[in-house]
Amino acid sequence: MKVDGTLREAWGTLRFDRLPQHDYDNDRRVKNPTVQLFYDTEKHEFRCFKKFNLVNA
């Protein structure tokens, strides 16, 4: 659910091992445990969302 209350439907994967080569482990940014990173299989890019706002998995 977005901040304005509307729903955003997204199709993606958490299986980064099935994606093209990317250096995930060497990312030095601080990980936020309240945010989920995923690969959007429709837009072919990485996206994220706040776990608290997830309506249905």
PDB file of N, CA and C in Angstrom:
ATOM      1  N   MET A   1       0.844  -1.164   0.000  1.00  0.00           N
ATOM      2  CA  MET A   1       0.000   0.000   0.000  1.00  0.00           C
ATOM      3  C   MET A   1       0.897   1.237   0.000  1.00  0.00           C
ATOM      4  N   LYS A   2       0.571   2.172  -0.859  1.00  0.00           N
ATOM      5  CA  LYS A   2       1.364   3.391  -0.950  1.00  0.00           C
ATOM      6  C   LYS A   2       0.938   4.363   0.143  1.00  0.00           C
ATOM      7  N   VAL A   3       1.722   5.406   0.346  1.00  0.00           N
ATOM      8  CA  VAL A   3       1.475   6.374   1.404  1.00  0.00           C
ATOM      9  C   VAL A   3       0.095   7.014   1.264  1.00  0.00           C
ATOM     10  N   ASP A   4      -0.357   7.233   0.032  1.00  0.00           N
ATOM     11  CA  ASP A   4      -1.663   7.879  -0.170  1.00  0.00           C
ATOM     12  C   ASP A   4      -2.833   6.908  -0.020  1.00  0.00           C
ATOM     13  N   GLY A   5      -2.558   5.645   0.313  1.00  0.00           N
ATOM     14  CA  GLY A   5      -3.612   4.663   0.538  1.00  0.00           C
ATOM     15  C   GLY A   5      -3.963   3.810  -0.667  1.00  0.00           C
ATOM     16  N   THR A   6      -3.445   4.151  -1.834  1.00  0.00           N
ATOM     17  CA  THR A   6      -3.718   3.344  -3.015  1.00  0.00           C
ATOM     18  C   THR A   6      -2.821   2.115  -3.015  1.00  0.00           C
ATOM     19  N   LEU A   7      -3.241   1.098  -3.736  1.00  0.00           N
ATOM     20  CA  LEU A   7      -2.464  -0.134  -3.820  1.00  0.00           C
ATOM     21  C   LEU A   7      -1.611  -0.134  -5.075  1.00  0.00           C
ATOM     22  N   ARG A   8      -0.392  -0.655  -4.943  1.00  0.00           N
ATOM     23  CA  ARG A   8       0.480  -0.836  -6.097  1.00  0.00           C
ATOM     24  C   ARG A   8       0.713  -2.331  -6.239  1.00  0.00           C
ATOM     25  N   GLU A   9       0.358  -2.860  -7.382  1.00  0.00           N
ATOM     26  CA  GLU A   9       0.611  -4.274  -7.643  1.00  0.00           C
ATOM     27  C   GLU A   9       1.968  -4.412  -8.303  1.00  0.00           C
ATOM     28  N   ALA A  10       2.759  -5.326  -7.811  1.00  0.00           N
ATOM     29  CA  ALA A  10       4.087  -5.544  -8.373  1.00  0.00           C
ATOM     30  C   ALA A  10       4.350  -7.045  -8.451  1.00  0.00           C
ATOM     31  N   TRP A  11       4.994  -7.457  -9.502  1.00  0.00           N
ATOM     32  CA  TRP A  11       5.393  -8.855  -9.689  1.00  0.00           C
ATOM     33  C   TRP A  11       6.902  -8.898  -9.672  1.00  0.00           C
ATOM     34  N   GLY A  12       7.442  -9.707  -8.757  1.00  0.00           N
ATOM     35  CA  GLY A  12       8.885  -9.739  -8.643  1.00  0.00           C
ATOM     36  C   GLY A  12       9.380 -11.012  -7.997  1.00  0.00           C
ATOM     37  N   THR A  13      10.672 -11.012  -7.717  1.00  0.00           N
ATOM     38  CA  THR A  13      11.312 -12.183  -7.122  1.00  0.00           C
ATOM     39  C   THR A  13      12.319 -11.746  -6.067  1.00  0.00           C
ATOM     40  N   LEU A  14      12.509 -12.639  -5.113  1.00  0.00           N
ATOM     41  CA  LEU A  14      13.553 -12.466  -4.107  1.00  0.00           C
ATOM     42  C   LEU A  14      14.731 -13.388  -4.395  1.00  0.00           C
ATOM     43  N   ARG A  15      14.632 -14.183  -5.460  1.00  0.00           N
ATOM     44  CA  ARG A  15      15.678 -15.151  -5.831  1.00  0.00           C
ATOM     45  C   ARG A  15      16.748 -14.461  -6.674  1.00  0.00           C
ATOM     46  N   PHE A  16      17.633 -13.730  -6.005  1.00  0.00           N
ATOM     47  CA  PHE A  16      18.667 -12.988  -6.708  1.00  0.00           C
ATOM     48  C   PHE A  16      19.669 -13.906  -7.400  1.00  0.00           C
ATOM     49  N   ASP A  17      19.735 -15.181  -6.967  1.00  0.00           N
ATOM     50  CA  ASP A  17      20.653 -16.124  -7.602  1.00  0.00           C
ATOM     51  C   ASP A  17      20.200 -16.470  -9.025  1.00  0.00           C
ATOM     52  N   ARG A  18      18.980 -16.148  -9.400  1.00  0.00           N
ATOM     53  CA  ARG A  18      18.467 -16.441 -10.740  1.00  0.00           C
ATOM     54  C   ARG A  18      18.491 -15.223 -11.651  1.00  0.00           C
ATOM     55  N   LEU A  19      19.126 -14.162 -11.211  1.00  0.00           N
ATOM     56  CA  LEU A  19      19.185 -12.926 -11.980  1.00  0.00           C
ATOM     57  C   LEU A  19      20.563 -12.762 -12.605  1.00  0.00           C
ATOM     58  N   PRO A  20      20.689 -11.846 -13.557  1.00  0.00           N
ATOM     59  CA  PRO A  20      22.017 -11.576 -14.123  1.00  0.00           C
ATOM     60  C   PRO A  20      22.992 -11.162 -13.031  1.00  0.00           C
ATOM     61  N   GLN A  21      24.263 -11.349 -13.284  1.00  0.00           N
ATOM     62  CA  GLN A  21      25.312 -11.080 -12.305  1.00  0.00           C
ATOM     63  C   GLN A  21      25.211  -9.669 -11.741  1.00  0.00           C
ATOM     64  N   HIS A  22      25.245  -9.571 -10.443  1.00  0.00           N
ATOM     65  CA  HIS A  22      25.226  -8.286  -9.742  1.00  0.00           C
ATOM     66  C   HIS A  22      25.980  -8.473  -8.436  1.00  0.00           C
ATOM     67  N   ASP A  23      26.647  -7.455  -7.994  1.00  0.00           N
ATOM     68  CA  ASP A  23      27.483  -7.551  -6.803  1.00  0.00           C
ATOM     69  C   ASP A  23      26.678  -7.172  -5.556  1.00  0.00           C
ATOM     70  N   TYR A  24      25.758  -8.051  -5.130  1.00  0.00           N
ATOM     71  CA  TYR A  24      24.889  -7.777  -3.994  1.00  0.00           C
ATOM     72  C   TYR A  24      25.648  -7.765  -2.679  1.00  0.00           C
ATOM     73  N   ASP A  25      26.556  -8.695  -2.511  1.00  0.00           N
ATOM     74  CA  ASP A  25      27.221  -8.854  -1.227  1.00  0.00           C
ATOM     75  C   ASP A  25      28.198  -7.732  -0.904  1.00  0.00           C
ATOM     76  N   ASN A  26      28.690  -7.047  -1.913  1.00  0.00           N
ATOM     77  CA  ASN A  26      29.652  -5.981  -1.669  1.00  0.00           C
ATOM     78  C   ASN A  26      28.997  -4.608  -1.579  1.00  0.00           C
ATOM     79  N   ASP A  27      27.688  -4.561  -1.499  1.00  0.00           N
ATOM     80  CA  ASP A  27      26.981  -3.304  -1.321  1.00  0.00           C
ATOM     81  C   ASP A  27      27.225  -2.835   0.110  1.00  0.00           C
ATOM     82  N   ARG A  28      27.831  -1.694   0.269  1.00  0.00           N
ATOM     83  CA  ARG A  28      28.239  -1.223   1.587  1.00  0.00           C
ATOM     84  C   ARG A  28      27.190  -0.339   2.268  1.00  0.00           C
ATOM     85  N   ARG A  29      26.049  -0.165   1.628  1.00  0.00           N
ATOM     86  CA  ARG A  29      25.002   0.644   2.259  1.00  0.00           C
ATOM     87  C   ARG A  29      24.451  -0.091   3.474  1.00  0.00           C
ATOM     88  N   VAL A  30      24.016   0.664   4.453  1.00  0.00           N
ATOM     89  CA  VAL A  30      23.441   0.088   5.668  1.00  0.00           C
ATOM     90  C   VAL A  30      22.090  -0.536   5.317  1.00  0.00           C
ATOM     91  N   LYS A  31      21.897  -1.791   5.720  1.00  0.00           N
ATOM     92  CA  LYS A  31      20.651  -2.497   5.447  1.00  0.00           C
ATOM     93  C   LYS A  31      19.590  -2.060   6.452  1.00  0.00           C
ATOM     94  N   ASN A  32      18.387  -1.803   5.971  1.00  0.00           N
ATOM     95  CA  ASN A  32      17.275  -1.426   6.824  1.00  0.00           C
ATOM     96  C   ASN A  32      16.366  -2.642   6.954  1.00  0.00           C
ATOM     97  N   PRO A  33      16.211  -3.203   8.145  1.00  0.00           N
ATOM     98  CA  PRO A  33      15.410  -4.421   8.299  1.00  0.00           C
ATOM     99  C   PRO A  33      13.913  -4.209   8.054  1.00  0.00           C
ATOM    100  N   THR A  34      13.455  -2.968   7.966  1.00  0.00           N
ATOM    101  CA  THR A  34      12.036  -2.710   7.719  1.00  0.00           C
ATOM    102  C   THR A  34      11.716  -2.557   6.233  1.00  0.00           C
ATOM    103  N   VAL A  35      12.748  -2.616   5.386  1.00  0.00           N
ATOM    104  CA  VAL A  35      12.575  -2.444   3.943  1.00  0.00           C
ATOM    105  C   VAL A  35      12.977  -3.728   3.229  1.00  0.00           C
ATOM    106  N   GLN A  36      12.164  -4.147   2.261  1.00  0.00           N
ATOM    107  CA  GLN A  36      12.432  -5.359   1.491  1.00  0.00           C
ATOM    108  C   GLN A  36      12.854  -5.000   0.066  1.00  0.00           C
ATOM    109  N   LEU A  37      14.010  -5.460  -0.347  1.00  0.00           N
ATOM    110  CA  LEU A  37      14.491  -5.298  -1.710  1.00  0.00           C
ATOM    111  C   LEU A  37      13.984  -6.464  -2.544  1.00  0.00           C
ATOM    112  N   PHE A  38      13.531  -6.200  -3.768  1.00  0.00           N
ATOM    113  CA  PHE A  38      13.128  -7.265  -4.675  1.00  0.00           C
ATOM    114  C   PHE A  38      13.413  -6.836  -6.099  1.00  0.00           C
ATOM    115  N   TYR A  39      13.426  -7.818  -7.005  1.00  0.00           N
ATOM    116  CA  TYR A  39      13.644  -7.540  -8.416  1.00  0.00           C
ATOM    117  C   TYR A  39      12.291  -7.574  -9.107  1.00  0.00           C
ATOM    118  N   ASP A  40      11.872  -6.456  -9.679  1.00  0.00           N
ATOM    119  CA  ASP A  40      10.595  -6.353 -10.381  1.00  0.00           C
ATOM    120  C   ASP A  40      10.753  -7.016 -11.747  1.00  0.00           C
ATOM    121  N   THR A  41      10.042  -8.137 -11.948  1.00  0.00           N
ATOM    122  CA  THR A  41      10.194  -8.906 -13.185  1.00  0.00           C
ATOM    123  C   THR A  41       9.453  -8.287 -14.362  1.00  0.00           C
ATOM    124  N   GLU A  42       8.615  -7.294 -14.124  1.00  0.00           N
ATOM    125  CA  GLU A  42       7.951  -6.587 -15.220  1.00  0.00           C
ATOM    126  C   GLU A  42       8.764  -5.384 -15.674  1.00  0.00           C
ATOM    127  N   LYS A  43       9.338  -4.648 -14.728  1.00  0.00           N
ATOM    128  CA  LYS A  43      10.133  -3.459 -15.064  1.00  0.00           C
ATOM    129  C   LYS A  43      11.609  -3.784 -15.262  1.00  0.00           C
ATOM    130  N   HIS A  44      12.027  -4.990 -14.860  1.00  0.00           N
ATOM    131  CA  HIS A  44      13.412  -5.448 -14.989  1.00  0.00           C
ATOM    132  C   HIS A  44      14.382  -4.513 -14.264  1.00  0.00           C
ATOM    133  N   GLU A  45      14.015  -4.213 -13.006  1.00  0.00           N
ATOM    134  CA  GLU A  45      14.894  -3.407 -12.169  1.00  0.00           C
ATOM    135  C   GLU A  45      14.599  -3.713 -10.712  1.00  0.00           C
ATOM    136  N   PHE A  46      15.525  -3.290  -9.854  1.00  0.00           N
ATOM    137  CA  PHE A  46      15.348  -3.506  -8.430  1.00  0.00           C
ATOM    138  C   PHE A  46      14.402  -2.458  -7.867  1.00  0.00           C
ATOM    139  N   ARG A  47      13.564  -2.886  -6.930  1.00  0.00           N
ATOM    140  CA  ARG A  47      12.609  -2.011  -6.251  1.00  0.00           C
ATOM    141  C   ARG A  47      12.654  -2.369  -4.770  1.00  0.00           C
ATOM    142  N   CYS A  48      12.003  -1.586  -3.959  1.00  0.00           N
ATOM    143  CA  CYS A  48      11.890  -1.910  -2.545  1.00  0.00           C
ATOM    144  C   CYS A  48      10.571  -1.381  -2.012  1.00  0.00           C
ATOM    145  N   PHE A  49      10.191  -1.898  -0.852  1.00  0.00           N
ATOM    146  CA  PHE A  49       8.974  -1.439  -0.202  1.00  0.00           C
ATOM    147  C   PHE A  49       9.132  -1.616   1.300  1.00  0.00           C
ATOM    148  N   LYS A  50       8.337  -0.877   2.036  1.00  0.00           N
ATOM    149  CA  LYS A  50       8.328  -1.040   3.492  1.00  0.00           C
ATOM    150  C   LYS A  50       7.536  -2.281   3.824  1.00  0.00           C
ATOM    151  N   LYS A  51       8.118  -3.186   4.590  1.00  0.00           N
ATOM    152  CA  LYS A  51       7.465  -4.453   4.914  1.00  0.00           C
ATOM    153  C   LYS A  51       6.133  -4.237   5.610  1.00  0.00           C
ATOM    154  N   PHE A  52       6.019  -3.199   6.406  1.00  0.00           N
ATOM    155  CA  PHE A  52       4.792  -2.890   7.126  1.00  0.00           C
ATOM    156  C   PHE A  52       3.631  -2.630   6.161  1.00  0.00           C
ATOM    157  N   ASN A  53       3.920  -2.131   4.955  1.00  0.00           N
ATOM    158  CA  ASN A  53       2.890  -1.767   3.990  1.00  0.00           C
ATOM    159  C   ASN A  53       2.493  -2.906   3.070  1.00  0.00           C
ATOM    160  N   LEU A  54       3.102  -4.076   3.220  1.00  0.00           N
ATOM    161  CA  LEU A  54       2.764  -5.216   2.376  1.00  0.00           C
ATOM    162  C   LEU A  54       1.365  -5.701   2.725  1.00  0.00           C
ATOM    163  N   VAL A  55       0.500  -5.782   1.702  1.00  0.00           N
ATOM    164  CA  VAL A  55      -0.883  -6.200   1.913  1.00  0.00           C
ATOM    165  C   VAL A  55      -1.039  -7.686   1.722  1.00  0.00           C
ATOM    166  N   ASN A  56      -0.430  -8.257   0.672  1.00  0.00           N
ATOM    167  CA  ASN A  56      -0.574  -9.676   0.367  1.00  0.00           C
ATOM    168  C   ASN A  56       0.652 -10.151  -0.386  1.00  0.00           C
ATOM    169  N   ALA A  57       1.122 -11.316  -0.027  1.00  0.00           N
ATOM    170  CA  ALA A  57       2.313 -11.858  -0.705  1.00  0.00           C
ATOM    171  C   ALA A  57       1.930 -13.061  -1.536  1.00  0.00           C
TER     172      ALA A  57
END
